[in-house]
Amino acid sequence: MNTTVNPPSASIGSLITERAKSPLFLLAAAFLIVCVLLALPLVVPIGPMYWDVLIYYDASNRIFEGQVPVIDFFTPVGPLGYYLFAGWVTLFPNAQPALLAHWSLLLVTAPLMALVLWDVGQRSRGIGFAVLVPFLVFVLLPFNTREFYPFPGSDAFGIYNRQVCQMLYVLVAALMFVRNRYLLVALVALIMTALFFLKITGFVAGGVIAAYAFFAGRVKFRYALEALTIFAIALAVIELASGMVSQYVMDVLRLVQMNSGTLLPRFLQSASINFGVVLAASALAIVLLWSDRQKLLERFSSGRKTSLASAVSTVLDHHGLWLFAVVFAGILFETQNTGSQAFIFLAPLVVAILLKAPKLLGKPVVLLSVLGLSAAIVLPPALFVIERAARTYIGSVKNQPLAQRNLRTLGAVNMRSEVAVRAEHMLNFYPEHRSLYTDLTNAGELPTPVLYSDYDFQITYLGNVDAAIDSIRKLESDKGIRFDTLMSLNFVNPFPWLMDRSAPLHIAIGADPTRAVPDPGSTEEGAVAQADLILLPTCPPTTANAMLYDMYKSALTQHRRIQLDACYDAFVHPRFFDALDR
């Protein structure tokens, strides 16, 4: 009797080849690629509202000094994203900011998606790839699904909105495909906890989806209770350790009160901006419901023999109604967003719908409608993001880098030559015509409604920060002083991070006075009054900066206002007056 024994190397090679064909391998490879790219000193094209990414560095600087988000300073969203970014910037200090901020959530989403894929992979590797590939497109490419400016550029704004959409993607994938009871409970609890601390509107949207899963019977009462218990325990532990949860809830209520008057218009805006996907998903839902109308009636009648609740859940657990529920959650989330990867979390649900498409072979019209509408939901956002990435990165081959001395990785951007020329012109124009822009500000107007999206404004801002740091250091050197606490009467405050200084406690980061800066109380005013140097950009004066000055001016009465340079005024604390007068 002859026996053939495969050599160990062949067995190992076969095992590696087999593993390489799994979705988990692709996910691990993507994570590794991200780490490699973050380790490289990459430069990306400037994009609209690029300065949004500076908020993460302000928060990280505060965290490294021992300040606690929510407790020690007001945040426009939850603290999770800032903690994740602080951890990643420690590992990759030379990473490009826009890439680092976008990819930082992978530390949470990658393990959770791996668990989903592990469960799905036990039944079908193909389904695993169908769920994973769209996820990777949006996770790897740091772009919003809506273009905010005609020129190609990096989307460094809307980052936490994109991250919420990616978390919701994992949630929908888990609810659609995970069959292991204990794993599903753990996933729902972990995802909802992450959403709570990422952005509260994302938590609300996730809650709508999770609640629908419960009423549809996809998550049994006991499972839901277990997930809720884990979530409550996590919040209780964090609350007992830091008091963060209660303060966070209070801050959210303050923001809701500030923005309550705009909710209905934003709800309509959310639906209209995303009209294409909303229409396609709604049409697909109607097609599915109409096609199964007889089955639904039979299910309801059969379920009533057991109980009314059973009959209702049987009907609710239909892909058509699932589409309506997830679309509603998506519209609700998008009411407070400027940039996002809106409705990408419909993709796992579409995969689940397509898996049942073969049953429609006897209904060719319905089948073609389902296939066409499914494509209309999934393909446009994915193709748009891919197109934007290609246009941005390929088109940047001839771009010129930003010349800078003090910006570190925050200046790792490049631009078209015409943008550079315009920025240079505006740097000279703004100081000479300051009164013109002051008059505009007094009239409550910006030079253009899209000022903060204009690439030349973003380049000019970075150049002014670069020059202001030189001016601060020269002032300190000439007078023999050091300003330890730096504040900026502006949307962002990159100075403490760039100069290894401190930011005042209790002051909001991402300071949009119209939406995200509550009226200061005695605590905030006291912190401002103690700040060593408070910077006010003047190239150009803007309505938002004027509003911030008005909010804090009562705390600046003892400070002395000086012209730091052509594009920055500064308020100096009285403790430095003697040195200034020398």
Protein backbone atom coordinates (compact mmCIF):
# COMPACT_ATOMS: atom_id res chain seq x y z
CA MET A 1 0.00 0.00 0.00
CA ASN A 2 1.48 3.34 -1.09
CA THR A 3 0.89 6.51 0.86
CA THR A 4 1.83 10.02 -0.16
CA VAL A 5 2.85 12.50 2.50
CA ASN A 6 2.80 16.16 1.56
CA PRO A 7 5.94 17.97 2.63
CA PRO A 8 5.44 20.45 5.50
CA SER A 9 6.34 23.37 3.24
CA ALA A 10 3.56 22.45 0.85
CA SER A 11 1.06 22.29 3.70
CA ILE A 12 2.16 25.67 5.03
CA GLY A 13 2.03 27.16 1.53
CA SER A 14 -1.46 25.81 0.95
CA LEU A 15 -2.58 27.18 4.30
CA ILE A 16 -1.18 30.64 3.51
CA THR A 17 -2.80 30.58 0.06
CA GLU A 18 -6.12 29.58 1.60
CA ARG A 19 -5.93 32.28 4.24
CA ALA A 20 -5.03 34.88 1.60
CA LYS A 21 -8.35 34.22 -0.11
CA SER A 22 -10.37 35.17 2.96
CA PRO A 23 -12.00 38.57 3.67
CA LEU A 24 -10.14 38.70 6.98
CA PHE A 25 -6.82 38.64 5.12
CA LEU A 26 -7.92 41.53 2.90
CA LEU A 27 -9.00 43.53 5.96
CA ALA A 28 -5.65 42.86 7.69
CA ALA A 29 -3.76 43.84 4.53
CA ALA A 30 -5.71 47.10 4.30
CA PHE A 31 -4.90 47.91 7.93
CA LEU A 32 -1.21 47.22 7.30
CA ILE A 33 -1.21 49.46 4.22
CA VAL A 34 -2.73 52.27 6.29
CA CYS A 35 0.02 51.93 8.91
CA VAL A 36 2.72 52.02 6.22
CA LEU A 37 1.24 55.14 4.61
CA LEU A 38 0.98 56.88 7.98
CA ALA A 39 4.65 56.18 8.63
CA LEU A 40 5.59 58.04 5.43
CA PRO A 41 5.92 61.86 5.21
CA LEU A 42 3.09 62.24 2.70
CA VAL A 43 1.76 65.53 1.34
CA VAL A 44 -1.84 65.95 0.11
CA PRO A 45 -3.56 68.71 -1.88
CA ILE A 46 -5.20 71.41 0.22
CA GLY A 47 -8.96 71.07 0.43
CA PRO A 48 -12.00 73.10 1.50
CA MET A 49 -12.16 73.81 5.24
CA TYR A 50 -8.83 72.04 5.68
CA TRP A 51 -8.42 73.74 9.03
CA ASP A 52 -11.01 71.39 10.56
CA VAL A 53 -8.25 68.83 11.04
CA LEU A 54 -6.36 71.27 13.27
CA ILE A 55 -9.05 70.71 15.92
CA TYR A 56 -7.70 67.20 16.48
CA TYR A 57 -4.23 68.56 17.25
CA ASP A 58 -5.61 71.11 19.67
CA ALA A 59 -7.49 68.31 21.46
CA SER A 60 -4.44 66.00 21.42
CA ASN A 61 -2.23 68.70 22.89
CA ARG A 62 -4.71 69.18 25.72
CA ILE A 63 -5.00 65.43 26.30
CA PHE A 64 -1.21 65.05 26.47
CA GLU A 65 -1.20 67.77 29.15
CA GLY A 66 -3.72 65.84 31.23
CA GLN A 67 -6.87 67.70 30.22
CA VAL A 68 -9.94 65.51 29.82
CA PRO A 69 -12.31 66.18 26.90
CA VAL A 70 -15.80 67.25 28.00
CA ILE A 71 -14.58 67.72 31.59
CA ASP A 72 -11.77 70.23 31.02
CA PHE A 73 -12.77 71.65 27.65
CA PHE A 74 -15.94 71.83 25.58
CA THR A 75 -16.02 69.61 22.47
CA PRO A 76 -18.37 69.89 19.48
CA VAL A 77 -18.68 66.08 19.39
CA GLY A 78 -17.89 63.13 21.66
CA PRO A 79 -14.41 62.47 23.08
CA LEU A 80 -13.69 59.11 21.43
CA GLY A 81 -12.37 60.50 18.15
CA TYR A 82 -9.95 62.82 19.95
CA TYR A 83 -8.58 60.05 22.17
CA LEU A 84 -8.11 57.78 19.17
CA PHE A 85 -6.34 60.53 17.26
CA ALA A 86 -4.07 61.30 20.21
CA GLY A 87 -3.05 57.66 20.34
CA TRP A 88 -2.39 57.46 16.61
CA VAL A 89 -0.42 60.72 16.50
CA THR A 90 1.81 59.27 19.22
CA LEU A 91 2.50 56.24 17.01
CA PHE A 92 2.77 58.22 13.77
CA PRO A 93 3.97 61.76 14.63
CA ASN A 94 4.95 62.50 11.03
CA ALA A 95 1.69 61.33 9.44
CA GLN A 96 -0.28 63.62 7.17
CA PRO A 97 -3.08 65.12 9.36
CA ALA A 98 -6.05 64.58 7.02
CA LEU A 99 -5.12 60.93 6.50
CA LEU A 100 -4.36 60.32 10.17
CA ALA A 101 -7.67 61.78 11.36
CA HIS A 102 -9.72 59.78 8.87
CA TRP A 103 -7.97 56.46 9.49
CA SER A 104 -7.76 56.73 13.28
CA LEU A 105 -11.17 55.06 13.75
CA LEU A 106 -9.82 51.88 12.16
CA LEU A 107 -8.61 50.94 15.62
CA VAL A 108 -12.29 50.43 16.47
CA THR A 109 -13.97 49.52 13.19
CA ALA A 110 -11.37 47.03 11.93
CA PRO A 111 -11.66 44.62 14.91
CA LEU A 112 -15.46 44.91 14.92
CA MET A 113 -15.67 44.26 11.18
CA ALA A 114 -13.26 41.34 11.62
CA LEU A 115 -15.71 39.76 14.06
CA VAL A 116 -18.55 40.21 11.58
CA LEU A 117 -16.46 38.64 8.82
CA TRP A 118 -15.42 35.75 11.04
CA ASP A 119 -19.05 34.87 11.69
CA VAL A 120 -20.10 35.35 8.06
CA GLY A 121 -17.05 33.46 6.78
CA GLN A 122 -18.20 30.28 8.47
CA ARG A 123 -21.12 30.22 6.03
CA SER A 124 -19.99 32.07 2.92
CA ARG A 125 -16.71 33.69 1.94
CA GLY A 126 -18.42 35.45 -0.97
CA ILE A 127 -20.85 37.26 1.33
CA GLY A 128 -17.91 38.32 3.46
CA PHE A 129 -16.22 39.96 0.46
CA ALA A 130 -19.51 41.56 -0.63
CA VAL A 131 -19.82 43.18 2.81
CA LEU A 132 -16.15 44.09 3.16
CA VAL A 133 -15.27 45.63 -0.22
CA PRO A 134 -17.67 48.63 -0.06
CA PHE A 135 -16.59 49.18 3.55
CA LEU A 136 -12.92 49.35 2.53
CA VAL A 137 -13.64 51.80 -0.29
CA PHE A 138 -15.04 54.35 2.16
CA VAL A 139 -12.65 53.56 5.00
CA LEU A 140 -9.51 53.81 2.90
CA LEU A 141 -10.42 56.84 0.78
CA PRO A 142 -10.70 59.96 3.01
CA PHE A 143 -13.40 61.74 1.04
CA ASN A 144 -17.00 62.76 1.57
CA THR A 145 -19.74 61.52 -0.73
CA ARG A 146 -20.67 65.10 -1.59
CA GLU A 147 -18.39 67.62 -3.29
CA PHE A 148 -18.21 70.95 -1.52
CA TYR A 149 -15.90 72.85 -3.86
CA PRO A 150 -15.28 72.69 -7.64
CA PHE A 151 -11.50 72.20 -7.38
CA PRO A 152 -10.17 68.76 -6.39
CA GLY A 153 -8.73 68.66 -2.89
CA SER A 154 -8.54 66.73 0.34
CA ASP A 155 -11.60 66.49 2.56
CA ALA A 156 -10.24 67.34 5.99
CA PHE A 157 -13.72 68.31 7.21
CA GLY A 158 -16.65 66.13 8.16
CA ILE A 159 -14.22 63.53 9.51
CA TYR A 160 -16.25 62.45 12.52
CA ASN A 161 -19.37 62.32 10.35
CA ARG A 162 -17.60 59.91 8.00
CA GLN A 163 -16.47 57.85 10.98
CA VAL A 164 -20.02 57.62 12.32
CA CYS A 165 -21.22 56.38 8.93
CA GLN A 166 -18.53 53.70 9.00
CA MET A 167 -19.62 52.62 12.50
CA LEU A 168 -23.23 52.45 11.32
CA TYR A 169 -22.05 50.33 8.39
CA VAL A 170 -20.63 47.76 10.82
CA LEU A 171 -23.83 47.90 12.88
CA VAL A 172 -26.09 47.18 9.88
CA ALA A 173 -23.72 44.44 8.69
CA ALA A 174 -23.85 42.79 12.13
CA LEU A 175 -27.64 42.96 12.31
CA MET A 176 -28.02 41.56 8.80
CA PHE A 177 -25.48 38.73 8.87
CA VAL A 178 -24.20 37.77 12.34
CA ARG A 179 -25.90 34.63 13.62
CA ASN A 180 -23.89 33.94 16.77
CA ARG A 181 -26.05 35.23 19.61
CA TYR A 182 -23.21 36.14 21.99
CA LEU A 183 -21.23 37.82 19.24
CA LEU A 184 -24.24 39.86 18.09
CA VAL A 185 -24.91 41.06 21.64
CA ALA A 186 -21.27 42.08 22.07
CA LEU A 187 -21.15 43.84 18.70
CA VAL A 188 -24.32 45.85 19.25
CA ALA A 189 -23.18 46.88 22.74
CA LEU A 190 -19.69 47.89 21.59
CA ILE A 191 -20.90 49.72 18.49
CA MET A 192 -23.55 51.68 20.38
CA THR A 193 -21.01 52.60 23.07
CA ALA A 194 -18.57 53.80 20.41
CA LEU A 195 -21.30 55.81 18.66
CA PHE A 196 -22.32 57.42 21.96
CA PHE A 197 -18.80 58.72 22.54
CA LEU A 198 -18.16 59.52 18.89
CA LYS A 199 -21.13 61.77 18.08
CA ILE A 200 -24.49 61.84 19.77
CA THR A 201 -26.48 62.14 16.52
CA GLY A 202 -24.72 58.99 15.33
CA PHE A 203 -25.80 57.28 18.54
CA VAL A 204 -29.39 58.38 17.91
CA ALA A 205 -29.27 57.04 14.34
CA GLY A 206 -27.75 53.78 15.58
CA GLY A 207 -30.43 53.61 18.26
CA VAL A 208 -33.16 53.91 15.62
CA ILE A 209 -31.62 51.01 13.67
CA ALA A 210 -31.06 48.86 16.77
CA ALA A 211 -34.58 49.57 18.04
CA TYR A 212 -36.03 48.56 14.70
CA ALA A 213 -34.02 45.33 14.82
CA PHE A 214 -35.61 44.62 18.19
CA PHE A 215 -39.18 45.31 17.07
CA ALA A 216 -38.58 43.30 13.91
CA GLY A 217 -37.55 40.34 16.03
CA ARG A 218 -34.05 40.19 14.61
CA VAL A 219 -32.70 40.94 18.11
CA LYS A 220 -34.64 39.02 20.75
CA PHE A 221 -35.69 40.72 23.96
CA ARG A 222 -33.09 38.87 26.00
CA TYR A 223 -30.34 39.77 23.54
CA ALA A 224 -31.40 43.41 23.57
CA LEU A 225 -31.44 43.43 27.37
CA GLU A 226 -27.95 41.93 27.49
CA ALA A 227 -26.60 44.50 25.03
CA LEU A 228 -28.27 47.32 26.94
CA THR A 229 -26.77 46.03 30.19
CA ILE A 230 -23.25 45.96 28.74
CA PHE A 231 -23.75 49.48 27.37
CA ALA A 232 -25.04 50.75 30.74
CA ILE A 233 -22.15 49.14 32.62
CA ALA A 234 -19.62 50.77 30.27
CA LEU A 235 -21.20 54.18 30.80
CA ALA A 236 -21.41 53.66 34.56
CA VAL A 237 -17.73 52.74 34.81
CA ILE A 238 -16.67 55.80 32.80
CA GLU A 239 -19.00 58.04 34.82
CA LEU A 240 -17.67 56.79 38.15
CA ALA A 241 -14.08 57.13 36.96
CA SER A 242 -14.33 60.63 35.50
CA GLY A 243 -17.84 62.09 35.63
CA MET A 244 -17.57 62.41 31.84
CA VAL A 245 -20.91 60.86 30.91
CA SER A 246 -23.14 63.25 32.87
CA GLN A 247 -21.13 66.27 31.71
CA TYR A 248 -21.26 65.03 28.13
CA VAL A 249 -25.04 64.68 28.30
CA MET A 250 -25.32 68.22 29.71
CA ASP A 251 -23.14 69.56 26.89
CA VAL A 252 -25.27 67.75 24.32
CA LEU A 253 -28.41 69.32 25.76
CA ARG A 254 -26.77 72.74 25.51
CA LEU A 255 -25.94 72.14 21.85
CA VAL A 256 -29.47 70.88 21.16
CA GLN A 257 -30.87 74.04 22.69
CA MET A 258 -28.57 76.17 20.53
CA ASN A 259 -29.56 74.36 17.31
CA SER A 260 -33.17 73.41 17.99
CA GLY A 261 -34.58 76.11 15.72
CA THR A 262 -32.82 74.66 12.67
CA LEU A 263 -33.83 71.00 13.07
CA LEU A 264 -36.84 70.89 10.70
CA PRO A 265 -35.16 72.88 7.89
CA ARG A 266 -32.09 70.67 8.23
CA PHE A 267 -34.25 67.55 8.09
CA LEU A 268 -35.60 68.71 4.73
CA GLN A 269 -32.11 69.76 3.63
CA SER A 270 -30.73 66.34 4.55
CA ALA A 271 -33.35 64.57 2.44
CA SER A 272 -32.92 66.94 -0.51
CA ILE A 273 -29.11 66.85 -0.58
CA ASN A 274 -29.19 63.06 -0.59
CA PHE A 275 -32.26 62.88 -2.81
CA GLY A 276 -30.77 60.33 -5.20
CA VAL A 277 -30.04 57.61 -2.67
CA VAL A 278 -33.20 58.38 -0.67
CA LEU A 279 -35.33 58.07 -3.80
CA ALA A 280 -33.61 54.86 -4.96
CA ALA A 281 -33.87 53.24 -1.52
CA SER A 282 -37.50 54.26 -1.11
CA ALA A 283 -38.37 53.00 -4.57
CA LEU A 284 -36.62 49.68 -3.87
CA ALA A 285 -38.53 49.38 -0.59
CA ILE A 286 -41.85 49.93 -2.38
CA VAL A 287 -40.96 47.38 -5.08
CA LEU A 288 -40.06 44.77 -2.48
CA LEU A 289 -43.17 45.41 -0.40
CA TRP A 290 -45.49 45.35 -3.42
CA SER A 291 -43.89 42.16 -4.71
CA ASP A 292 -44.32 40.44 -1.33
CA ARG A 293 -47.68 41.96 -0.39
CA GLN A 294 -49.47 38.60 -0.45
CA LYS A 295 -46.72 36.90 1.56
CA LEU A 296 -46.80 39.68 4.14
CA LEU A 297 -50.55 39.27 4.62
CA GLU A 298 -50.11 35.52 5.00
CA ARG A 299 -47.27 36.00 7.49
CA PHE A 300 -49.34 38.42 9.53
CA SER A 301 -52.35 36.12 9.57
CA SER A 302 -50.19 33.15 10.54
CA GLY A 303 -48.34 35.12 13.20
CA ARG A 304 -51.57 36.28 14.84
CA LYS A 305 -52.29 32.69 15.82
CA THR A 306 -49.34 32.97 18.20
CA SER A 307 -49.54 36.62 19.29
CA LEU A 308 -50.02 40.08 17.85
CA ALA A 309 -46.42 40.99 18.72
CA SER A 310 -45.19 37.96 16.80
CA ALA A 311 -47.30 38.90 13.80
CA VAL A 312 -46.04 42.49 13.80
CA SER A 313 -42.37 41.48 14.13
CA THR A 314 -42.77 38.99 11.29
CA VAL A 315 -44.00 41.76 9.01
CA LEU A 316 -41.45 44.32 10.21
CA ASP A 317 -38.56 41.97 9.47
CA HIS A 318 -38.94 42.58 5.76
CA HIS A 319 -36.20 44.13 3.68
CA GLY A 320 -38.56 46.77 2.30
CA LEU A 321 -39.42 48.08 5.74
CA TRP A 322 -35.80 47.71 6.82
CA LEU A 323 -34.88 50.08 4.00
CA PHE A 324 -37.33 52.70 5.24
CA ALA A 325 -36.00 52.39 8.80
CA VAL A 326 -32.34 52.71 7.82
CA VAL A 327 -33.06 55.59 5.42
CA PHE A 328 -34.92 57.43 8.19
CA ALA A 329 -31.96 56.91 10.52
CA GLY A 330 -29.64 58.22 7.82
CA ILE A 331 -31.71 61.34 7.19
CA LEU A 332 -31.86 61.97 10.93
CA PHE A 333 -28.08 61.73 11.22
CA GLU A 334 -27.42 63.97 8.23
CA THR A 335 -29.49 66.85 9.65
CA GLN A 336 -26.44 68.22 11.49
CA ASN A 337 -23.76 67.45 8.91
CA THR A 338 -21.85 69.49 6.38
CA GLY A 339 -19.63 66.72 5.06
CA SER A 340 -20.18 62.98 5.44
CA GLN A 341 -20.24 59.57 3.77
CA ALA A 342 -23.99 59.63 3.83
CA PHE A 343 -26.00 56.41 3.62
CA ILE A 344 -23.04 54.13 2.93
CA PHE A 345 -24.48 51.86 5.63
CA LEU A 346 -27.27 50.86 3.24
CA ALA A 347 -24.76 48.65 1.43
CA PRO A 348 -24.93 45.62 3.82
CA LEU A 349 -28.72 45.74 3.61
CA VAL A 350 -28.53 45.81 -0.20
CA VAL A 351 -26.24 42.76 -0.08
CA ALA A 352 -28.86 40.95 2.01
CA ILE A 353 -31.55 41.92 -0.52
CA LEU A 354 -29.49 40.74 -3.49
CA LEU A 355 -28.92 37.37 -1.85
CA LYS A 356 -32.65 36.75 -2.27
CA ALA A 357 -32.75 38.03 -5.85
CA PRO A 358 -32.62 34.51 -7.39
CA LYS A 359 -36.09 33.91 -5.93
CA LEU A 360 -37.34 36.63 -8.28
CA LEU A 361 -36.34 34.82 -11.49
CA GLY A 362 -40.00 34.14 -12.16
CA LYS A 363 -40.70 37.90 -11.95
CA PRO A 364 -38.27 39.44 -14.46
CA VAL A 365 -39.65 42.98 -14.15
CA VAL A 366 -39.32 42.91 -10.37
CA LEU A 367 -35.87 41.33 -10.62
CA LEU A 368 -34.59 44.00 -13.01
CA SER A 369 -36.09 46.71 -10.80
CA VAL A 370 -34.38 45.28 -7.72
CA LEU A 371 -31.02 44.98 -9.47
CA GLY A 372 -31.22 48.46 -10.97
CA LEU A 373 -32.33 50.20 -7.80
CA SER A 374 -29.75 48.30 -5.71
CA ALA A 375 -27.05 49.54 -8.07
CA ALA A 376 -28.44 53.08 -7.80
CA ILE A 377 -28.05 52.91 -4.00
CA VAL A 378 -24.57 51.43 -3.75
CA LEU A 379 -22.63 52.42 -6.87
CA PRO A 380 -22.93 56.25 -7.07
CA PRO A 381 -21.40 57.01 -3.64
CA ALA A 382 -18.60 54.47 -4.14
CA LEU A 383 -17.78 55.60 -7.68
CA PHE A 384 -17.95 59.24 -6.64
CA VAL A 385 -15.46 58.74 -3.80
CA ILE A 386 -13.13 56.75 -6.08
CA GLU A 387 -13.39 59.43 -8.76
CA ARG A 388 -12.67 62.21 -6.27
CA ALA A 389 -9.65 60.36 -4.91
CA ALA A 390 -8.26 59.80 -8.40
CA ARG A 391 -8.91 63.38 -9.46
CA THR A 392 -7.32 64.76 -6.29
CA TYR A 393 -4.21 62.65 -6.13
CA ILE A 394 -3.47 62.30 -9.84
CA GLY A 395 -4.14 65.99 -10.39
CA SER A 396 -1.67 66.94 -7.66
CA VAL A 397 1.37 65.74 -9.60
CA LYS A 398 2.19 69.30 -10.67
CA ASN A 399 1.15 70.93 -7.40
CA GLN A 400 3.66 72.92 -5.39
CA PRO A 401 4.18 72.32 -1.65
CA LEU A 402 3.42 74.92 0.98
CA ALA A 403 6.58 76.73 2.04
CA GLN A 404 6.58 76.87 5.84
CA ARG A 405 8.88 76.98 8.86
CA ASN A 406 6.78 76.27 11.94
CA LEU A 407 3.73 74.23 10.90
CA ARG A 408 5.27 70.75 11.16
CA THR A 409 2.92 68.15 9.66
CA LEU A 410 0.03 70.64 9.61
CA GLY A 411 1.75 72.20 6.62
CA ALA A 412 2.04 68.91 4.70
CA VAL A 413 -0.14 70.18 1.85
CA ASN A 414 0.37 71.28 -1.70
CA MET A 415 -1.63 73.42 -4.12
CA ARG A 416 -2.06 74.49 -7.70
CA SER A 417 0.26 77.25 -8.82
CA GLU A 418 -2.65 79.64 -9.38
CA VAL A 419 -3.84 79.07 -5.81
CA ALA A 420 -0.35 79.84 -4.52
CA VAL A 421 -0.22 83.05 -6.55
CA ARG A 422 -3.64 84.19 -5.31
CA ALA A 423 -2.75 83.38 -1.70
CA GLU A 424 0.40 85.49 -2.03
CA HIS A 425 -1.60 88.37 -3.45
CA MET A 426 -4.20 88.14 -0.67
CA LEU A 427 -1.50 88.08 2.02
CA ASN A 428 -0.46 91.51 0.79
CA PHE A 429 -4.00 92.72 0.09
CA TYR A 430 -5.64 91.91 3.43
CA PRO A 431 -3.48 94.16 5.68
CA GLU A 432 -3.68 97.10 3.29
CA HIS A 433 -7.51 96.89 3.10
CA ARG A 434 -8.33 95.81 6.61
CA SER A 435 -10.94 98.55 7.04
CA LEU A 436 -12.90 97.19 4.07
CA TYR A 437 -13.20 93.75 5.67
CA THR A 438 -13.96 95.30 9.04
CA ASP A 439 -16.87 97.14 7.43
CA LEU A 440 -18.09 93.86 5.94
CA THR A 441 -17.85 92.21 9.35
CA ASN A 442 -19.78 95.05 10.97
CA ALA A 443 -22.48 94.47 8.35
CA GLY A 444 -22.59 90.80 9.37
CA GLU A 445 -21.17 89.56 6.08
CA LEU A 446 -18.21 87.51 4.91
CA PRO A 447 -16.25 88.52 1.78
CA THR A 448 -17.86 85.46 0.15
CA PRO A 449 -20.27 82.88 1.60
CA VAL A 450 -17.73 80.12 0.82
CA LEU A 451 -14.74 81.95 2.30
CA TYR A 452 -13.70 79.05 4.53
CA SER A 453 -13.88 76.64 1.59
CA ASP A 454 -11.68 78.77 -0.66
CA TYR A 455 -8.28 77.14 -1.00
CA ASP A 456 -6.50 80.48 -0.96
CA PHE A 457 -8.11 81.30 2.40
CA GLN A 458 -6.88 78.01 3.86
CA ILE A 459 -3.37 78.56 2.49
CA THR A 460 -3.40 82.16 3.68
CA TYR A 461 -4.50 81.06 7.15
CA LEU A 462 -1.68 78.51 7.42
CA GLY A 463 0.82 81.12 6.21
CA ASN A 464 -0.43 83.63 8.76
CA VAL A 465 -0.11 81.08 11.57
CA ASP A 466 3.41 80.31 10.41
CA ALA A 467 4.34 84.01 10.45
CA ALA A 468 2.59 84.62 13.79
CA ILE A 469 4.71 81.94 15.47
CA ASP A 470 7.83 83.76 14.26
CA SER A 471 6.38 87.01 15.61
CA ILE A 472 5.59 85.47 19.01
CA ARG A 473 9.08 84.02 19.32
CA LYS A 474 10.65 87.33 18.32
CA LEU A 475 8.55 89.20 20.90
CA GLU A 476 9.53 86.70 23.57
CA SER A 477 13.20 86.93 22.62
CA ASP A 478 13.23 90.73 22.52
CA LYS A 479 11.45 91.10 25.88
CA GLY A 480 12.90 88.08 27.68
CA ILE A 481 9.49 86.51 28.37
CA ARG A 482 7.59 83.33 27.56
CA PHE A 483 3.86 82.99 26.96
CA ASP A 484 2.87 79.61 28.38
CA THR A 485 -0.88 79.75 27.74
CA LEU A 486 -2.02 80.59 24.21
CA MET A 487 -5.58 81.11 23.04
CA SER A 488 -7.01 82.07 19.65
CA LEU A 489 -10.21 84.00 19.00
CA ASN A 490 -10.80 81.83 16.00
CA PHE A 491 -12.37 78.55 14.92
CA VAL A 492 -9.12 76.67 15.57
CA ASN A 493 -6.13 77.16 17.85
CA PRO A 494 -3.03 75.38 16.52
CA PHE A 495 -0.54 77.51 18.44
CA PRO A 496 -0.21 75.43 21.64
CA TRP A 497 0.48 72.26 19.61
CA LEU A 498 2.95 73.93 17.27
CA MET A 499 4.81 75.80 20.01
CA ASP A 500 4.67 73.14 22.76
CA ARG A 501 2.59 75.42 24.98
CA SER A 502 -0.72 75.08 26.83
CA ALA A 503 -4.26 76.01 25.91
CA PRO A 504 -6.52 77.52 28.57
CA LEU A 505 -8.85 75.16 30.38
CA HIS A 506 -12.61 75.14 29.69
CA ILE A 507 -12.39 76.87 26.30
CA ALA A 508 -14.25 75.20 23.44
CA ILE A 509 -12.34 73.60 20.59
CA GLY A 510 -13.76 73.88 17.09
CA ALA A 511 -15.14 77.25 18.11
CA ASP A 512 -18.05 77.92 15.78
CA PRO A 513 -19.93 80.62 17.73
CA THR A 514 -23.12 80.09 15.75
CA ARG A 515 -23.45 76.36 16.54
CA ALA A 516 -20.87 74.95 18.95
CA VAL A 517 -19.81 77.56 21.54
CA PRO A 518 -22.20 78.02 24.47
CA ASP A 519 -22.30 81.43 26.09
CA PRO A 520 -19.29 81.59 28.43
CA GLY A 521 -19.88 81.53 32.15
CA SER A 522 -17.63 82.63 34.99
CA THR A 523 -15.44 79.53 34.61
CA GLU A 524 -14.68 80.18 30.95
CA GLU A 525 -14.21 83.91 31.53
CA GLY A 526 -11.83 83.20 34.39
CA ALA A 527 -9.75 80.95 32.15
CA VAL A 528 -9.60 83.60 29.43
CA ALA A 529 -8.66 86.28 31.96
CA GLN A 530 -5.67 84.17 33.03
CA ALA A 531 -4.43 83.37 29.51
CA ASP A 532 -0.99 84.78 28.75
CA LEU A 533 -1.55 85.60 25.10
CA ILE A 534 -4.79 85.68 23.12
CA LEU A 535 -4.51 85.91 19.36
CA LEU A 536 -6.99 87.55 16.99
CA PRO A 537 -6.49 86.98 13.24
CA THR A 538 -7.12 90.03 11.08
CA CYS A 539 -6.40 88.79 7.53
CA PRO A 540 -9.26 89.16 7.04
CA PRO A 541 -11.55 90.06 9.96
CA THR A 542 -14.58 87.75 9.93
CA THR A 543 -18.01 87.65 11.49
CA ALA A 544 -17.22 84.49 13.49
CA ASN A 545 -14.07 86.00 14.99
CA ALA A 546 -15.97 89.17 15.85
CA MET A 547 -18.62 87.08 17.61
CA LEU A 548 -15.96 85.20 19.59
CA TYR A 549 -14.39 88.49 20.63
CA ASP A 550 -17.77 89.80 21.78
CA MET A 551 -18.33 86.59 23.78
CA TYR A 552 -15.04 86.91 25.64
CA LYS A 553 -14.33 90.64 25.64
CA SER A 554 -15.50 91.12 29.25
CA ALA A 555 -12.65 88.79 30.27
CA LEU A 556 -10.11 90.78 28.24
CA THR A 557 -10.51 94.15 29.94
CA GLN A 558 -7.21 93.81 31.80
CA HIS A 559 -5.24 92.59 28.79
CA ARG A 560 -3.35 94.98 26.55
CA ARG A 561 -4.11 94.81 22.83
CA ILE A 562 -1.08 95.03 20.56
CA GLN A 563 -0.43 94.48 16.87
CA LEU A 564 1.64 91.31 16.78
CA ASP A 565 2.21 91.52 13.03
CA ALA A 566 0.38 92.52 9.86
CA CYS A 567 -2.20 89.73 10.20
CA TYR A 568 -2.53 89.17 13.96
CA ASP A 569 -3.49 91.31 16.92
CA ALA A 570 -2.74 89.96 20.37
CA PHE A 571 -4.06 90.52 23.89
CA VAL A 572 -1.25 90.34 26.45
CA HIS A 573 -1.82 89.53 30.14
CA PRO A 574 -0.94 92.27 32.67
CA ARG A 575 1.85 90.14 34.15
CA PHE A 576 3.91 90.97 31.05
CA PHE A 577 3.30 94.72 30.95
CA ASP A 578 6.58 95.65 32.62
CA ALA A 579 8.53 93.60 30.12
CA LEU A 580 6.60 95.09 27.20
CA ASP A 581 7.28 98.64 28.41
CA ARG A 582 11.01 98.08 28.68
